[in-house]
Amino acid sequence: MAHSTRLSLHKVSVLSSMIEDLPTATMLFLYYSFCSLGQMIEQLVDGSNKDEYNCVYTIYVRTGTIWKGGTDSIISLAIASADGDGVLIEDLESWGGLMGDGYDYFERGNLDIFSGRGPCISSWPPCWMNLTSDGSGPGHGWYCNYVEVTTTGPHLGCNQQLFTVEQWLARDASPYQLYAIRDLCSRSNSGDGDDEGGEEIATITKGEKKHVTVA
């Protein structure tokens, strides 16, 4: 939801009269304070603060060899640690595809590799995953074998996590959903994609889940 920054004319008039009565030093202080605040808000709103992208994520995605297992849909990936701190990558291919120009990602039998910078999460390795297809394109159905995530950053070493998927992400094949959740943080969640999990996915992909940042 966009935040409104408009003020009524009456409020502007009152603020103007108040500012005119302030000493010059106070006015300068307020001016520079508002400038700094504006820069901070811009970074938070448009995600332009790349200085915090100190970690490198390398992601391996294996598509199954099953007939019609490939897809042309856009695939997104969210990963998180046990405390809920995580990263959402809205389009794996455009974010960090490494397979070269003209390569067709997520086709039958492919092992696709993606890598890029992102914010560091609070604990390693990530133990929760949400793999989602937008369902676009001809032959949207996709069968994924697994996703393997390798992460590293300053003074963090190298960490790996394997998420076994072995599931269709499709409207016309069981389990008839376009997402797969795998939760290795809590063994009580089998990750078989129940209705509650679907609601959680809708939240996290909109960037509304607490602590989740967008890569």
N, C-alpha and C. Protein backbone atom coordinates (compact mmCIF):
# COMPACT_ATOMS: atom_id res chain seq x y z
N MET A 1 0.84 -1.19 0.00
CA MET A 1 0.00 0.00 0.00
C MET A 1 0.88 1.24 0.00
N ALA A 2 0.62 2.18 -0.90
CA ALA A 2 1.39 3.40 -0.98
C ALA A 2 1.07 4.30 0.20
N HIS A 3 2.09 4.99 0.69
CA HIS A 3 1.91 5.91 1.80
C HIS A 3 1.68 7.31 1.26
N SER A 4 0.65 7.99 1.76
CA SER A 4 0.34 9.34 1.30
C SER A 4 1.26 10.34 1.97
N THR A 5 1.75 11.33 1.20
CA THR A 5 2.62 12.37 1.75
C THR A 5 1.99 13.74 1.62
N ARG A 6 0.68 13.81 1.29
CA ARG A 6 0.03 15.09 1.07
C ARG A 6 -0.37 15.74 2.39
N LEU A 7 -0.28 17.06 2.44
CA LEU A 7 -0.74 17.84 3.59
C LEU A 7 -1.84 18.79 3.13
N SER A 8 -2.79 19.10 4.01
CA SER A 8 -3.84 20.05 3.66
C SER A 8 -3.25 21.45 3.57
N LEU A 9 -3.92 22.36 2.82
CA LEU A 9 -3.44 23.73 2.69
C LEU A 9 -3.41 24.43 4.03
N HIS A 10 -4.37 24.12 4.90
CA HIS A 10 -4.40 24.74 6.22
C HIS A 10 -3.15 24.36 7.02
N LYS A 11 -2.78 23.07 6.97
CA LYS A 11 -1.61 22.62 7.71
C LYS A 11 -0.34 23.25 7.15
N VAL A 12 -0.26 23.39 5.84
CA VAL A 12 0.91 24.02 5.23
C VAL A 12 1.02 25.46 5.68
N SER A 13 -0.09 26.18 5.73
CA SER A 13 -0.08 27.57 6.16
C SER A 13 0.39 27.70 7.60
N VAL A 14 -0.10 26.81 8.47
CA VAL A 14 0.31 26.85 9.87
C VAL A 14 1.79 26.55 10.01
N LEU A 15 2.28 25.54 9.28
CA LEU A 15 3.70 25.21 9.34
C LEU A 15 4.56 26.36 8.85
N SER A 16 4.13 27.04 7.78
CA SER A 16 4.90 28.15 7.24
C SER A 16 5.02 29.28 8.25
N SER A 17 3.93 29.59 8.93
CA SER A 17 3.97 30.67 9.91
C SER A 17 4.86 30.30 11.09
N MET A 18 4.88 29.02 11.48
CA MET A 18 5.73 28.58 12.57
C MET A 18 7.20 28.67 12.18
N ILE A 19 7.52 28.27 10.94
CA ILE A 19 8.91 28.29 10.49
C ILE A 19 9.45 29.71 10.42
N GLU A 20 8.61 30.67 10.00
CA GLU A 20 9.06 32.06 9.88
C GLU A 20 9.50 32.62 11.22
N ASP A 21 8.95 32.11 12.32
CA ASP A 21 9.28 32.61 13.65
C ASP A 21 10.51 31.94 14.25
N LEU A 22 11.09 30.93 13.58
CA LEU A 22 12.22 30.21 14.14
C LEU A 22 13.53 30.92 13.82
N PRO A 23 14.52 30.83 14.73
CA PRO A 23 15.85 31.37 14.45
C PRO A 23 16.49 30.67 13.25
N THR A 24 17.44 31.35 12.62
CA THR A 24 18.08 30.80 11.42
C THR A 24 18.77 29.47 11.70
N ALA A 25 19.48 29.34 12.82
CA ALA A 25 20.19 28.11 13.14
C ALA A 25 19.22 26.94 13.28
N THR A 26 18.08 27.20 13.91
CA THR A 26 17.08 26.14 14.07
C THR A 26 16.51 25.73 12.73
N MET A 27 16.27 26.72 11.84
CA MET A 27 15.75 26.41 10.51
C MET A 27 16.73 25.54 9.72
N LEU A 28 18.03 25.85 9.82
CA LEU A 28 19.03 25.05 9.12
C LEU A 28 19.07 23.62 9.64
N PHE A 29 18.97 23.49 10.97
CA PHE A 29 18.97 22.16 11.57
C PHE A 29 17.78 21.34 11.07
N LEU A 30 16.60 21.97 11.05
CA LEU A 30 15.41 21.27 10.58
C LEU A 30 15.53 20.89 9.10
N TYR A 31 16.11 21.80 8.31
CA TYR A 31 16.26 21.54 6.88
C TYR A 31 17.11 20.29 6.63
N TYR A 32 18.29 20.24 7.26
CA TYR A 32 19.17 19.10 7.05
C TYR A 32 18.60 17.82 7.65
N SER A 33 17.83 17.96 8.74
CA SER A 33 17.20 16.78 9.33
C SER A 33 16.17 16.19 8.37
N PHE A 34 15.35 17.09 7.76
CA PHE A 34 14.34 16.61 6.81
C PHE A 34 14.99 16.01 5.57
N CYS A 35 16.12 16.58 5.12
CA CYS A 35 16.81 16.02 3.96
C CYS A 35 17.30 14.60 4.26
N SER A 36 17.89 14.41 5.45
CA SER A 36 18.38 13.08 5.83
C SER A 36 17.23 12.10 5.95
N LEU A 37 16.12 12.55 6.54
CA LEU A 37 14.96 11.69 6.69
C LEU A 37 14.41 11.28 5.32
N GLY A 38 14.39 12.22 4.39
CA GLY A 38 13.90 11.92 3.06
C GLY A 38 14.74 10.87 2.36
N GLN A 39 16.07 10.94 2.54
CA GLN A 39 16.95 9.94 1.93
C GLN A 39 16.71 8.56 2.52
N MET A 40 16.50 8.50 3.85
CA MET A 40 16.24 7.23 4.50
C MET A 40 14.95 6.61 4.01
N ILE A 41 13.90 7.44 3.89
CA ILE A 41 12.61 6.94 3.42
C ILE A 41 12.72 6.43 2.00
N GLU A 42 13.47 7.14 1.14
CA GLU A 42 13.63 6.71 -0.25
C GLU A 42 14.29 5.33 -0.31
N GLN A 43 15.31 5.10 0.55
CA GLN A 43 15.98 3.81 0.55
C GLN A 43 15.05 2.70 1.00
N LEU A 44 14.21 2.99 2.00
CA LEU A 44 13.30 1.97 2.51
C LEU A 44 12.20 1.66 1.51
N VAL A 45 11.72 2.68 0.80
CA VAL A 45 10.60 2.48 -0.11
C VAL A 45 11.01 1.76 -1.37
N ASP A 46 12.12 2.19 -2.00
CA ASP A 46 12.44 1.60 -3.30
C ASP A 46 13.51 0.52 -3.22
N GLY A 47 13.99 0.20 -2.00
CA GLY A 47 14.96 -0.87 -1.86
C GLY A 47 16.29 -0.57 -2.51
N SER A 48 16.64 0.73 -2.63
CA SER A 48 17.84 1.11 -3.37
C SER A 48 19.11 1.03 -2.55
N ASN A 49 19.01 0.71 -1.26
CA ASN A 49 20.19 0.66 -0.42
C ASN A 49 20.89 -0.69 -0.61
N LYS A 50 21.77 -0.76 -1.60
CA LYS A 50 22.46 -2.00 -1.91
C LYS A 50 23.68 -2.22 -1.02
N ASP A 51 24.03 -1.25 -0.17
CA ASP A 51 25.20 -1.40 0.68
C ASP A 51 25.05 -2.55 1.66
N GLU A 52 23.81 -2.96 1.97
CA GLU A 52 23.58 -4.05 2.90
C GLU A 52 23.58 -5.40 2.21
N TYR A 53 23.77 -5.43 0.90
CA TYR A 53 23.77 -6.70 0.15
C TYR A 53 25.17 -7.31 0.21
N ASN A 54 25.55 -7.80 1.39
CA ASN A 54 26.91 -8.27 1.62
C ASN A 54 27.06 -9.78 1.50
N CYS A 55 25.97 -10.49 1.30
CA CYS A 55 26.05 -11.95 1.19
C CYS A 55 25.81 -12.39 -0.25
N VAL A 56 26.37 -13.53 -0.58
CA VAL A 56 26.24 -14.10 -1.92
C VAL A 56 25.46 -15.40 -1.82
N TYR A 57 24.44 -15.51 -2.65
CA TYR A 57 23.59 -16.70 -2.69
C TYR A 57 23.79 -17.40 -4.03
N THR A 58 24.10 -18.68 -3.99
CA THR A 58 24.16 -19.50 -5.19
C THR A 58 23.10 -20.58 -5.07
N ILE A 59 22.25 -20.68 -6.08
CA ILE A 59 21.07 -21.53 -6.00
C ILE A 59 21.07 -22.50 -7.18
N TYR A 60 20.93 -23.78 -6.88
CA TYR A 60 20.86 -24.83 -7.88
C TYR A 60 19.43 -25.37 -7.91
N VAL A 61 18.84 -25.41 -9.09
CA VAL A 61 17.47 -25.89 -9.23
C VAL A 61 17.45 -27.02 -10.26
N ARG A 62 17.00 -28.19 -9.82
CA ARG A 62 16.91 -29.34 -10.72
C ARG A 62 15.46 -29.57 -11.14
N THR A 63 15.24 -29.54 -12.46
CA THR A 63 13.92 -29.86 -13.02
C THR A 63 13.87 -31.34 -13.35
N GLY A 64 12.74 -31.98 -13.05
CA GLY A 64 12.61 -33.41 -13.28
C GLY A 64 12.61 -33.79 -14.75
N THR A 65 12.88 -35.05 -15.01
CA THR A 65 12.90 -35.56 -16.38
C THR A 65 11.53 -36.08 -16.81
N ILE A 66 10.55 -35.96 -15.95
CA ILE A 66 9.20 -36.42 -16.26
C ILE A 66 8.65 -35.68 -17.48
N TRP A 67 7.80 -36.34 -18.28
CA TRP A 67 7.24 -35.75 -19.49
C TRP A 67 6.49 -34.46 -19.17
N LYS A 68 6.76 -33.40 -19.94
CA LYS A 68 6.18 -32.08 -19.75
C LYS A 68 6.55 -31.46 -18.41
N GLY A 69 7.72 -31.85 -17.90
CA GLY A 69 8.14 -31.34 -16.59
C GLY A 69 8.71 -29.94 -16.62
N GLY A 70 9.04 -29.40 -17.81
CA GLY A 70 9.62 -28.06 -17.91
C GLY A 70 8.56 -26.98 -17.96
N THR A 71 9.00 -25.73 -17.78
CA THR A 71 8.06 -24.61 -17.77
C THR A 71 8.71 -23.34 -18.31
N ASP A 72 7.86 -22.43 -18.79
CA ASP A 72 8.30 -21.09 -19.18
C ASP A 72 7.82 -20.04 -18.18
N SER A 73 7.26 -20.47 -17.08
CA SER A 73 6.75 -19.53 -16.08
C SER A 73 7.88 -18.86 -15.32
N ILE A 74 7.56 -17.75 -14.67
CA ILE A 74 8.51 -17.05 -13.81
C ILE A 74 8.53 -17.75 -12.45
N ILE A 75 9.73 -18.06 -11.98
CA ILE A 75 9.90 -18.79 -10.72
C ILE A 75 10.51 -17.87 -9.67
N SER A 76 9.89 -17.83 -8.51
CA SER A 76 10.42 -17.04 -7.40
C SER A 76 10.80 -17.96 -6.26
N LEU A 77 11.69 -17.47 -5.40
CA LEU A 77 12.17 -18.27 -4.27
C LEU A 77 12.29 -17.39 -3.05
N ALA A 78 11.73 -17.86 -1.95
CA ALA A 78 11.92 -17.22 -0.65
C ALA A 78 12.57 -18.22 0.28
N ILE A 79 13.60 -17.77 1.01
CA ILE A 79 14.26 -18.61 2.00
C ILE A 79 14.35 -17.84 3.30
N ALA A 80 14.32 -18.57 4.40
CA ALA A 80 14.35 -17.90 5.71
C ALA A 80 15.02 -18.81 6.73
N SER A 81 15.53 -18.17 7.78
CA SER A 81 16.11 -18.91 8.89
C SER A 81 15.03 -19.22 9.92
N ALA A 82 15.40 -19.88 10.99
CA ALA A 82 14.42 -20.34 11.97
C ALA A 82 13.69 -19.20 12.66
N ASP A 83 14.32 -18.03 12.75
CA ASP A 83 13.68 -16.89 13.43
C ASP A 83 12.82 -16.06 12.49
N GLY A 84 12.67 -16.49 11.23
CA GLY A 84 11.81 -15.78 10.28
C GLY A 84 12.52 -14.75 9.44
N ASP A 85 13.81 -14.53 9.66
CA ASP A 85 14.57 -13.56 8.87
C ASP A 85 14.92 -14.21 7.54
N GLY A 86 14.60 -13.56 6.43
CA GLY A 86 14.82 -14.21 5.14
C GLY A 86 14.92 -13.27 3.98
N VAL A 87 15.01 -13.86 2.80
CA VAL A 87 15.20 -13.13 1.55
C VAL A 87 14.21 -13.66 0.52
N LEU A 88 13.58 -12.76 -0.21
CA LEU A 88 12.68 -13.12 -1.31
C LEU A 88 13.30 -12.70 -2.64
N ILE A 89 13.44 -13.64 -3.56
CA ILE A 89 13.93 -13.37 -4.91
C ILE A 89 12.73 -13.55 -5.84
N GLU A 90 12.25 -12.47 -6.42
CA GLU A 90 10.98 -12.49 -7.14
C GLU A 90 11.07 -13.14 -8.52
N ASP A 91 12.26 -13.15 -9.12
CA ASP A 91 12.43 -13.76 -10.44
C ASP A 91 13.85 -14.31 -10.50
N LEU A 92 14.01 -15.60 -10.31
CA LEU A 92 15.34 -16.20 -10.24
C LEU A 92 16.17 -15.93 -11.49
N GLU A 93 15.56 -16.08 -12.66
CA GLU A 93 16.31 -15.94 -13.91
C GLU A 93 16.86 -14.53 -14.08
N SER A 94 16.03 -13.52 -13.91
CA SER A 94 16.50 -12.15 -14.11
C SER A 94 17.42 -11.70 -12.99
N TRP A 95 17.27 -12.26 -11.81
CA TRP A 95 18.11 -11.89 -10.67
C TRP A 95 19.53 -12.41 -10.82
N GLY A 96 19.69 -13.67 -11.22
CA GLY A 96 21.05 -14.21 -11.19
C GLY A 96 21.29 -15.40 -12.09
N GLY A 97 20.60 -15.49 -13.24
CA GLY A 97 20.83 -16.61 -14.15
C GLY A 97 22.25 -16.64 -14.68
N LEU A 98 22.91 -17.78 -14.60
CA LEU A 98 24.32 -17.90 -15.01
C LEU A 98 24.52 -18.75 -16.26
N MET A 99 23.45 -19.20 -16.88
CA MET A 99 23.58 -20.21 -17.92
C MET A 99 23.84 -19.64 -19.32
N GLY A 100 23.90 -18.33 -19.44
CA GLY A 100 24.27 -17.73 -20.72
C GLY A 100 23.09 -17.27 -21.56
N ASP A 101 23.41 -16.44 -22.56
CA ASP A 101 22.38 -15.88 -23.44
C ASP A 101 21.71 -16.98 -24.25
N GLY A 102 20.39 -16.85 -24.40
CA GLY A 102 19.64 -17.79 -25.20
C GLY A 102 19.32 -19.11 -24.52
N TYR A 103 19.76 -19.27 -23.29
CA TYR A 103 19.50 -20.51 -22.56
C TYR A 103 18.05 -20.54 -22.08
N ASP A 104 17.44 -21.70 -22.11
CA ASP A 104 16.05 -21.87 -21.70
C ASP A 104 16.01 -22.52 -20.32
N TYR A 105 15.68 -21.72 -19.32
CA TYR A 105 15.69 -22.19 -17.93
C TYR A 105 14.47 -23.06 -17.63
N PHE A 106 14.62 -23.90 -16.61
CA PHE A 106 13.54 -24.73 -16.05
C PHE A 106 12.95 -25.69 -17.07
N GLU A 107 13.79 -26.17 -17.99
CA GLU A 107 13.34 -27.19 -18.93
C GLU A 107 13.64 -28.59 -18.40
N ARG A 108 13.00 -29.57 -18.98
CA ARG A 108 13.07 -30.95 -18.49
C ARG A 108 14.51 -31.44 -18.38
N GLY A 109 14.88 -31.91 -17.18
CA GLY A 109 16.22 -32.44 -16.94
C GLY A 109 17.28 -31.41 -16.63
N ASN A 110 16.94 -30.13 -16.66
CA ASN A 110 17.93 -29.07 -16.43
C ASN A 110 18.43 -29.05 -14.99
N LEU A 111 19.71 -28.69 -14.84
CA LEU A 111 20.24 -28.22 -13.56
C LEU A 111 20.62 -26.77 -13.77
N ASP A 112 19.79 -25.86 -13.30
CA ASP A 112 19.98 -24.43 -13.53
C ASP A 112 20.67 -23.80 -12.32
N ILE A 113 21.58 -22.87 -12.61
CA ILE A 113 22.38 -22.25 -11.55
C ILE A 113 22.14 -20.74 -11.58
N PHE A 114 21.94 -20.19 -10.39
CA PHE A 114 21.70 -18.76 -10.22
C PHE A 114 22.58 -18.26 -9.09
N SER A 115 23.08 -17.04 -9.22
CA SER A 115 23.91 -16.49 -8.16
C SER A 115 23.80 -14.97 -8.16
N GLY A 116 23.81 -14.40 -6.97
CA GLY A 116 23.74 -12.95 -6.86
C GLY A 116 23.89 -12.51 -5.41
N ARG A 117 23.98 -11.20 -5.25
CA ARG A 117 24.11 -10.62 -3.91
C ARG A 117 22.74 -10.40 -3.29
N GLY A 118 22.72 -10.38 -1.96
CA GLY A 118 21.50 -10.10 -1.24
C GLY A 118 21.81 -9.78 0.21
N PRO A 119 20.80 -9.37 0.97
CA PRO A 119 21.01 -9.09 2.39
C PRO A 119 21.36 -10.38 3.13
N CYS A 120 22.21 -10.28 4.13
CA CYS A 120 22.54 -11.44 4.96
C CYS A 120 21.38 -11.70 5.92
N ILE A 121 21.04 -12.97 6.11
CA ILE A 121 20.02 -13.31 7.09
C ILE A 121 20.68 -13.54 8.44
N SER A 122 19.87 -13.59 9.49
CA SER A 122 20.41 -13.54 10.85
C SER A 122 21.06 -14.84 11.29
N SER A 123 20.66 -15.98 10.74
CA SER A 123 21.27 -17.25 11.13
C SER A 123 21.36 -18.16 9.92
N TRP A 124 22.35 -19.05 9.95
CA TRP A 124 22.65 -19.88 8.80
C TRP A 124 22.63 -21.35 9.19
N PRO A 125 22.36 -22.25 8.28
CA PRO A 125 21.84 -22.00 6.94
C PRO A 125 20.34 -21.73 6.97
N PRO A 126 19.75 -21.25 5.88
CA PRO A 126 18.29 -21.12 5.83
C PRO A 126 17.64 -22.50 5.94
N CYS A 127 16.51 -22.55 6.63
CA CYS A 127 15.86 -23.86 6.84
C CYS A 127 14.41 -23.86 6.37
N TRP A 128 13.95 -22.77 5.79
CA TRP A 128 12.58 -22.67 5.29
C TRP A 128 12.61 -22.16 3.86
N MET A 129 11.78 -22.72 3.00
CA MET A 129 11.78 -22.35 1.59
C MET A 129 10.36 -22.28 1.06
N ASN A 130 10.12 -21.29 0.22
CA ASN A 130 8.88 -21.17 -0.54
C ASN A 130 9.25 -21.00 -2.01
N LEU A 131 8.98 -22.01 -2.81
CA LEU A 131 9.25 -21.99 -4.25
C LEU A 131 7.91 -21.78 -4.95
N THR A 132 7.83 -20.74 -5.79
CA THR A 132 6.54 -20.36 -6.38
C THR A 132 6.68 -20.12 -7.88
N SER A 133 5.70 -20.59 -8.64
CA SER A 133 5.57 -20.30 -10.07
C SER A 133 4.42 -19.32 -10.26
N ASP A 134 4.58 -18.38 -11.21
CA ASP A 134 3.48 -17.45 -11.47
C ASP A 134 2.44 -18.05 -12.43
N GLY A 135 2.71 -19.25 -12.95
CA GLY A 135 1.74 -19.94 -13.79
C GLY A 135 1.57 -19.36 -15.18
N SER A 136 2.50 -18.52 -15.62
CA SER A 136 2.37 -17.88 -16.93
C SER A 136 2.99 -18.74 -18.02
N GLY A 137 2.67 -18.39 -19.26
CA GLY A 137 3.27 -19.05 -20.41
C GLY A 137 2.58 -20.34 -20.79
N PRO A 138 2.88 -20.82 -22.01
CA PRO A 138 2.29 -22.10 -22.46
C PRO A 138 2.91 -23.27 -21.70
N GLY A 139 2.11 -24.26 -21.39
CA GLY A 139 2.63 -25.40 -20.66
C GLY A 139 3.21 -24.98 -19.32
N HIS A 140 2.37 -24.35 -18.49
CA HIS A 140 2.87 -23.72 -17.27
C HIS A 140 3.36 -24.73 -16.23
N GLY A 141 2.88 -25.97 -16.27
CA GLY A 141 3.22 -26.94 -15.24
C GLY A 141 4.72 -27.20 -15.16
N TRP A 142 5.22 -27.39 -13.94
CA TRP A 142 6.66 -27.58 -13.72
C TRP A 142 6.87 -28.61 -12.63
N TYR A 143 7.76 -29.57 -12.89
CA TYR A 143 8.10 -30.56 -11.87
C TYR A 143 9.52 -30.31 -11.41
N CYS A 144 9.67 -29.98 -10.13
CA CYS A 144 10.98 -29.67 -9.55
C CYS A 144 11.43 -30.82 -8.66
N ASN A 145 12.68 -31.26 -8.87
CA ASN A 145 13.26 -32.29 -8.00
C ASN A 145 13.75 -31.71 -6.68
N TYR A 146 14.58 -30.66 -6.79
CA TYR A 146 15.14 -30.09 -5.56
C TYR A 146 15.66 -28.69 -5.80
N VAL A 147 15.87 -27.98 -4.70
CA VAL A 147 16.54 -26.68 -4.70
C VAL A 147 17.66 -26.77 -3.67
N GLU A 148 18.87 -26.41 -4.08
CA GLU A 148 20.00 -26.38 -3.15
C GLU A 148 20.51 -24.94 -3.06
N VAL A 149 20.65 -24.46 -1.85
CA VAL A 149 21.06 -23.07 -1.61
C VAL A 149 22.42 -23.07 -0.92
N THR A 150 23.37 -22.35 -1.51
CA THR A 150 24.68 -22.14 -0.90
C THR A 150 24.81 -20.66 -0.57
N THR A 151 25.19 -20.36 0.65
CA THR A 151 25.28 -18.96 1.09
C THR A 151 26.63 -18.71 1.72
N THR A 152 27.12 -17.49 1.53
CA THR A 152 28.35 -17.08 2.17
C THR A 152 28.36 -15.57 2.31
N GLY A 153 29.18 -15.09 3.23
CA GLY A 153 29.29 -13.65 3.46
C GLY A 153 30.50 -13.37 4.33
N PRO A 154 30.74 -12.09 4.63
CA PRO A 154 31.90 -11.72 5.44
C PRO A 154 31.90 -12.43 6.79
N HIS A 155 32.98 -13.17 7.07
CA HIS A 155 33.17 -13.86 8.36
C HIS A 155 32.09 -14.91 8.63
N LEU A 156 31.43 -15.40 7.60
CA LEU A 156 30.32 -16.34 7.79
C LEU A 156 30.64 -17.75 7.31
N GLY A 157 31.74 -17.92 6.58
CA GLY A 157 32.01 -19.22 6.02
C GLY A 157 31.03 -19.55 4.90
N CYS A 158 30.95 -20.83 4.56
CA CYS A 158 30.06 -21.27 3.49
C CYS A 158 29.04 -22.26 4.05
N ASN A 159 27.77 -22.05 3.73
CA ASN A 159 26.70 -22.89 4.25
C ASN A 159 25.87 -23.43 3.10
N GLN A 160 25.41 -24.66 3.24
CA GLN A 160 24.58 -25.29 2.22
C GLN A 160 23.31 -25.86 2.84
N GLN A 161 22.24 -25.80 2.07
CA GLN A 161 20.99 -26.42 2.50
C GLN A 161 20.30 -27.02 1.28
N LEU A 162 19.91 -28.26 1.39
CA LEU A 162 19.20 -28.95 0.31
C LEU A 162 17.72 -29.05 0.68
N PHE A 163 16.86 -28.55 -0.20
CA PHE A 163 15.41 -28.66 -0.04
C PHE A 163 14.90 -29.64 -1.10
N THR A 164 14.50 -30.82 -0.68
CA THR A 164 13.92 -31.79 -1.61
C THR A 164 12.47 -31.39 -1.90
N VAL A 165 12.15 -31.24 -3.18
CA VAL A 165 10.81 -30.78 -3.57
C VAL A 165 9.98 -31.96 -4.09
N GLU A 166 10.42 -32.56 -5.21
CA GLU A 166 9.72 -33.71 -5.82
C GLU A 166 8.21 -33.46 -5.89
N GLN A 167 7.86 -32.37 -6.56
CA GLN A 167 6.45 -31.96 -6.62
C GLN A 167 6.18 -31.19 -7.90
N TRP A 168 4.94 -31.33 -8.40
CA TRP A 168 4.46 -30.47 -9.48
C TRP A 168 4.08 -29.11 -8.92
N LEU A 169 4.45 -28.05 -9.63
CA LEU A 169 3.90 -26.72 -9.40
C LEU A 169 3.02 -26.44 -10.62
N ALA A 170 1.75 -26.75 -10.50
CA ALA A 170 0.84 -26.72 -11.65
C ALA A 170 -0.60 -26.68 -11.17
N ARG A 171 -1.45 -26.16 -12.06
CA ARG A 171 -2.89 -26.14 -11.76
C ARG A 171 -3.57 -27.45 -12.17
N ASP A 172 -2.92 -28.21 -13.06
CA ASP A 172 -3.57 -29.38 -13.63
C ASP A 172 -2.91 -30.69 -13.23
N ALA A 173 -2.08 -30.67 -12.19
CA ALA A 173 -1.46 -31.89 -11.69
C ALA A 173 -1.38 -31.80 -10.17
N SER A 174 -1.56 -32.94 -9.51
CA SER A 174 -1.53 -32.99 -8.04
C SER A 174 -0.19 -32.48 -7.52
N PRO A 175 -0.19 -31.64 -6.48
CA PRO A 175 -1.29 -31.27 -5.56
C PRO A 175 -2.08 -30.03 -6.00
N TYR A 176 -2.05 -29.68 -7.29
CA TYR A 176 -2.87 -28.61 -7.87
C TYR A 176 -2.62 -27.26 -7.20
N GLN A 177 -1.35 -26.89 -7.11
CA GLN A 177 -0.97 -25.60 -6.55
C GLN A 177 0.32 -25.14 -7.21
N LEU A 178 0.56 -23.84 -7.17
CA LEU A 178 1.71 -23.25 -7.85
C LEU A 178 2.84 -22.93 -6.89
N TYR A 179 2.89 -23.57 -5.75
CA TYR A 179 3.94 -23.32 -4.79
C TYR A 179 4.31 -24.60 -4.06
N ALA A 180 5.50 -24.60 -3.48
CA ALA A 180 5.94 -25.70 -2.61
C ALA A 180 6.65 -25.09 -1.41
N ILE A 181 6.20 -25.42 -0.23
CA ILE A 181 6.85 -24.99 1.01
C ILE A 181 7.62 -26.17 1.59
N ARG A 182 8.84 -25.93 1.99
CA ARG A 182 9.61 -26.94 2.70
C ARG A 182 10.15 -26.30 3.98
N ASP A 183 9.77 -26.87 5.11
CA ASP A 183 10.15 -26.32 6.42
C ASP A 183 11.02 -27.34 7.14
N LEU A 184 12.31 -27.09 7.16
CA LEU A 184 13.24 -27.93 7.89
C LEU A 184 13.54 -27.36 9.27
N CYS A 185 12.96 -26.21 9.58
CA CYS A 185 13.16 -25.59 10.89
C CYS A 185 12.34 -26.32 11.94
N SER A 186 11.14 -26.71 11.59
CA SER A 186 10.24 -27.38 12.51
C SER A 186 9.76 -28.67 11.87
N ARG A 187 10.12 -29.79 12.43
CA ARG A 187 9.75 -31.08 11.85
C ARG A 187 8.26 -31.35 11.96
N SER A 188 7.53 -30.53 12.74
CA SER A 188 6.09 -30.72 12.85
C SER A 188 5.37 -30.31 11.58
N ASN A 189 6.06 -29.49 10.73
CA ASN A 189 5.48 -29.08 9.45
C ASN A 189 6.06 -29.96 8.36
N SER A 190 5.25 -30.81 7.77
CA SER A 190 5.74 -31.76 6.77
C SER A 190 6.03 -31.12 5.44
N GLY A 191 5.53 -29.84 5.23
CA GLY A 191 5.78 -29.15 3.98
C GLY A 191 4.99 -29.70 2.82
N ASP A 192 3.80 -30.29 3.08
CA ASP A 192 3.04 -30.88 1.98
C ASP A 192 2.04 -29.93 1.37
N GLY A 193 2.13 -28.60 1.74
CA GLY A 193 1.35 -27.60 1.03
C GLY A 193 -0.10 -27.56 1.44
N ASP A 194 -0.41 -27.44 2.74
CA ASP A 194 -1.80 -27.33 3.16
C ASP A 194 -2.30 -25.92 2.97
N ASP A 195 -3.57 -25.66 3.30
CA ASP A 195 -4.17 -24.35 3.07
C ASP A 195 -3.49 -23.27 3.88
N GLU A 196 -3.09 -23.61 5.12
CA GLU A 196 -2.45 -22.60 5.96
C GLU A 196 -1.15 -22.13 5.34
N GLY A 197 -0.40 -23.09 4.76
CA GLY A 197 0.84 -22.72 4.10
C GLY A 197 0.60 -21.79 2.93
N GLY A 198 -0.48 -22.00 2.18
CA GLY A 198 -0.79 -21.14 1.05
C GLY A 198 -1.02 -19.72 1.49
N GLU A 199 -1.66 -19.51 2.64
CA GLU A 199 -1.89 -18.16 3.13
C GLU A 199 -0.56 -17.51 3.51
N GLU A 200 0.36 -18.29 4.06
CA GLU A 200 1.65 -17.75 4.43
C GLU A 200 2.42 -17.31 3.19
N ILE A 201 2.32 -18.10 2.12
CA ILE A 201 2.99 -17.75 0.87
C ILE A 201 2.46 -16.43 0.31
N ALA A 202 1.15 -16.26 0.33
CA ALA A 202 0.57 -15.03 -0.21
C ALA A 202 1.12 -13.82 0.52
N THR A 203 1.38 -13.98 1.81
CA THR A 203 1.92 -12.87 2.60
C THR A 203 3.37 -12.61 2.27
N ILE A 204 4.16 -13.66 2.23
CA ILE A 204 5.59 -13.47 2.05
C ILE A 204 5.92 -12.95 0.66
N THR A 205 5.17 -13.35 -0.37
CA THR A 205 5.47 -12.88 -1.71
C THR A 205 5.07 -11.42 -1.91
N LYS A 206 4.22 -10.90 -1.05
CA LYS A 206 3.88 -9.48 -1.11
C LYS A 206 4.84 -8.64 -0.29
N GLY A 207 5.85 -9.27 0.31
CA GLY A 207 6.83 -8.53 1.07
C GLY A 207 6.31 -8.04 2.40
N GLU A 208 5.24 -8.68 2.92
CA GLU A 208 4.63 -8.19 4.14
C GLU A 208 5.03 -9.00 5.37
N LYS A 209 5.68 -10.14 5.17
CA LYS A 209 6.05 -10.96 6.31
C LYS A 209 7.16 -10.27 7.10
N LYS A 210 7.08 -10.30 8.40
CA LYS A 210 8.07 -9.64 9.24
C LYS A 210 9.46 -10.17 8.96
N HIS A 211 10.42 -9.27 8.84
CA HIS A 211 11.84 -9.54 8.67
C HIS A 211 12.24 -9.95 7.26
N VAL A 212 11.29 -10.24 6.38
CA VAL A 212 11.67 -10.70 5.05
C VAL A 212 12.04 -9.51 4.17
N THR A 213 13.18 -9.57 3.52
CA THR A 213 13.64 -8.51 2.64
C THR A 213 13.74 -9.04 1.22
N VAL A 214 13.74 -8.15 0.26
CA VAL A 214 13.72 -8.54 -1.15
C VAL A 214 15.10 -8.41 -1.75
N ALA A 215 15.55 -9.44 -2.41
CA ALA A 215 16.84 -9.39 -3.10
C ALA A 215 16.65 -8.90 -4.52
